[in-house]
Protein backbone atom coordinates (compact mmCIF):
# COMPACT_ATOMS: atom_id res chain seq x y z
CA MET A 1 47.83 97.25 115.70
CA ALA A 2 48.85 98.10 112.10
CA VAL A 3 50.33 95.50 109.97
CA VAL A 4 53.29 96.16 107.44
CA LYS A 5 52.57 93.82 104.51
CA ARG A 6 54.80 95.54 101.90
CA VAL A 7 57.88 97.65 101.96
CA GLY A 8 59.35 99.91 99.28
CA ILE A 9 62.23 97.82 97.93
CA PHE A 10 64.46 100.88 96.89
CA SER A 11 63.61 102.72 100.07
CA VAL A 12 64.80 99.74 102.28
CA GLY A 13 67.85 99.38 100.05
CA LYS A 14 68.81 103.08 100.41
CA VAL A 15 68.42 102.85 104.05
CA MET A 16 70.29 99.66 104.45
CA GLY A 17 73.12 101.16 102.05
CA ALA A 18 73.44 104.25 104.29
CA VAL A 19 73.56 102.06 107.44
CA TYR A 20 76.11 99.71 105.98
CA ALA A 21 78.37 102.66 104.68
CA LEU A 22 78.39 104.02 108.20
CA PHE A 23 79.54 100.81 109.36
CA GLY A 24 82.06 100.78 106.59
CA LEU A 25 83.27 104.23 107.61
CA ILE A 26 84.01 102.99 111.21
CA ILE A 27 85.69 99.77 110.02
CA GLY A 28 87.59 101.65 107.50
CA GLY A 29 88.78 103.91 110.02
CA VAL A 30 89.74 101.18 112.33
CA LEU A 31 91.81 99.69 109.46
CA SER A 32 93.42 102.81 108.70
CA MET A 33 94.69 103.50 112.01
CA ILE A 34 96.12 99.82 112.14
CA SER A 35 97.76 100.23 108.75
CA LEU A 36 99.13 103.72 109.62
CA LEU A 37 100.43 102.43 113.09
CA GLY A 38 102.18 99.65 111.11
CA ALA A 39 103.60 101.95 108.53
CA GLY A 40 105.03 104.07 111.39
CA ALA A 41 106.61 101.10 113.29
CA ARG A 42 108.30 100.31 110.01
CA GLY A 43 109.44 103.89 109.36
CA SER A 44 112.87 102.99 110.43
CA SER A 45 113.07 100.02 108.05
CA THR A 46 115.39 100.24 104.82
CA ASP A 47 112.58 99.33 102.59
CA MET A 48 110.48 102.53 102.46
CA PHE A 49 108.25 101.26 99.53
CA GLU A 50 106.47 98.93 101.92
CA SER A 51 105.93 101.93 104.49
CA ILE A 52 104.50 103.92 101.72
CA VAL A 53 102.13 101.01 100.32
CA ALA A 54 100.92 100.68 104.18
CA GLY A 55 100.26 104.27 104.32
CA LEU A 56 98.32 104.38 101.10
CA PHE A 57 96.27 101.37 102.14
CA GLY A 58 95.39 103.06 105.51
CA ALA A 59 94.31 106.13 103.65
CA GLY A 60 92.34 104.15 100.98
CA ALA A 61 90.61 102.26 103.51
CA ILE A 62 88.61 105.21 104.59
CA LEU A 63 87.30 105.49 100.91
CA ILE A 64 87.09 102.00 99.52
CA VAL A 65 85.57 100.22 102.82
CA PRO A 66 82.51 102.41 103.03
CA ILE A 67 81.75 102.53 99.23
CA PHE A 68 81.92 98.77 99.37
CA TYR A 69 79.98 98.07 102.44
CA GLY A 70 77.33 100.63 101.10
CA ALA A 71 76.77 98.80 97.83
CA ILE A 72 76.51 95.42 99.63
CA GLY A 73 74.13 97.08 102.06
CA PHE A 74 71.99 98.40 99.12
CA ILE A 75 71.93 95.28 97.27
CA GLY A 76 71.23 93.19 100.50
CA GLY A 77 68.26 95.70 101.50
CA ILE A 78 66.74 95.20 98.07
CA ILE A 79 67.00 91.52 98.27
CA SER A 80 65.70 91.46 101.86
CA ALA A 81 62.70 93.73 100.97
CA ALA A 82 61.79 91.58 98.08
CA ILE A 83 61.92 88.41 100.09
CA TYR A 84 59.82 90.09 102.85
CA ASN A 85 57.11 91.27 100.24
CA LEU A 86 56.99 87.84 99.09
CA ILE A 87 56.62 86.18 102.56
CA GLY A 88 54.55 89.23 103.98
CA SER A 89 51.80 88.80 101.37
CA THR A 90 51.69 84.98 101.72
CA ILE A 91 51.73 84.59 105.60
CA GLY A 92 51.01 88.36 106.73
CA GLY A 93 53.16 91.08 107.77
CA ILE A 94 54.69 92.48 110.81
CA GLU A 95 52.50 93.82 113.45
CA VAL A 96 53.51 97.19 114.58
CA GLU A 97 51.68 99.47 117.28
CA ILE A 98 51.92 102.97 116.36
CA VAL A 99 51.45 105.39 119.22
CA SER A 100 50.69 109.23 118.66
CA ASP A 101 51.65 111.67 121.31
């Protein structure tokens, strides 16, 4: 059994940022679809401005949401890694079994 007592703060931040950005891309895609469906449903409306804004929000969700989620994941990963390093050095780390082929 190997024990992980410390982790690289920025490496955890990068990985968590990438994972959360991927989640944000999925959620942004869902928000985009919902928004574009709503814009299409309002296509016969007399207020075209609302339809255009809904369409722009849908397209923007694919860009903005992954960036926001990635930044939050990066910051959360850094904070989590720092807390883990504090606790891991005090009470011990996580035991990991490494098997080689």
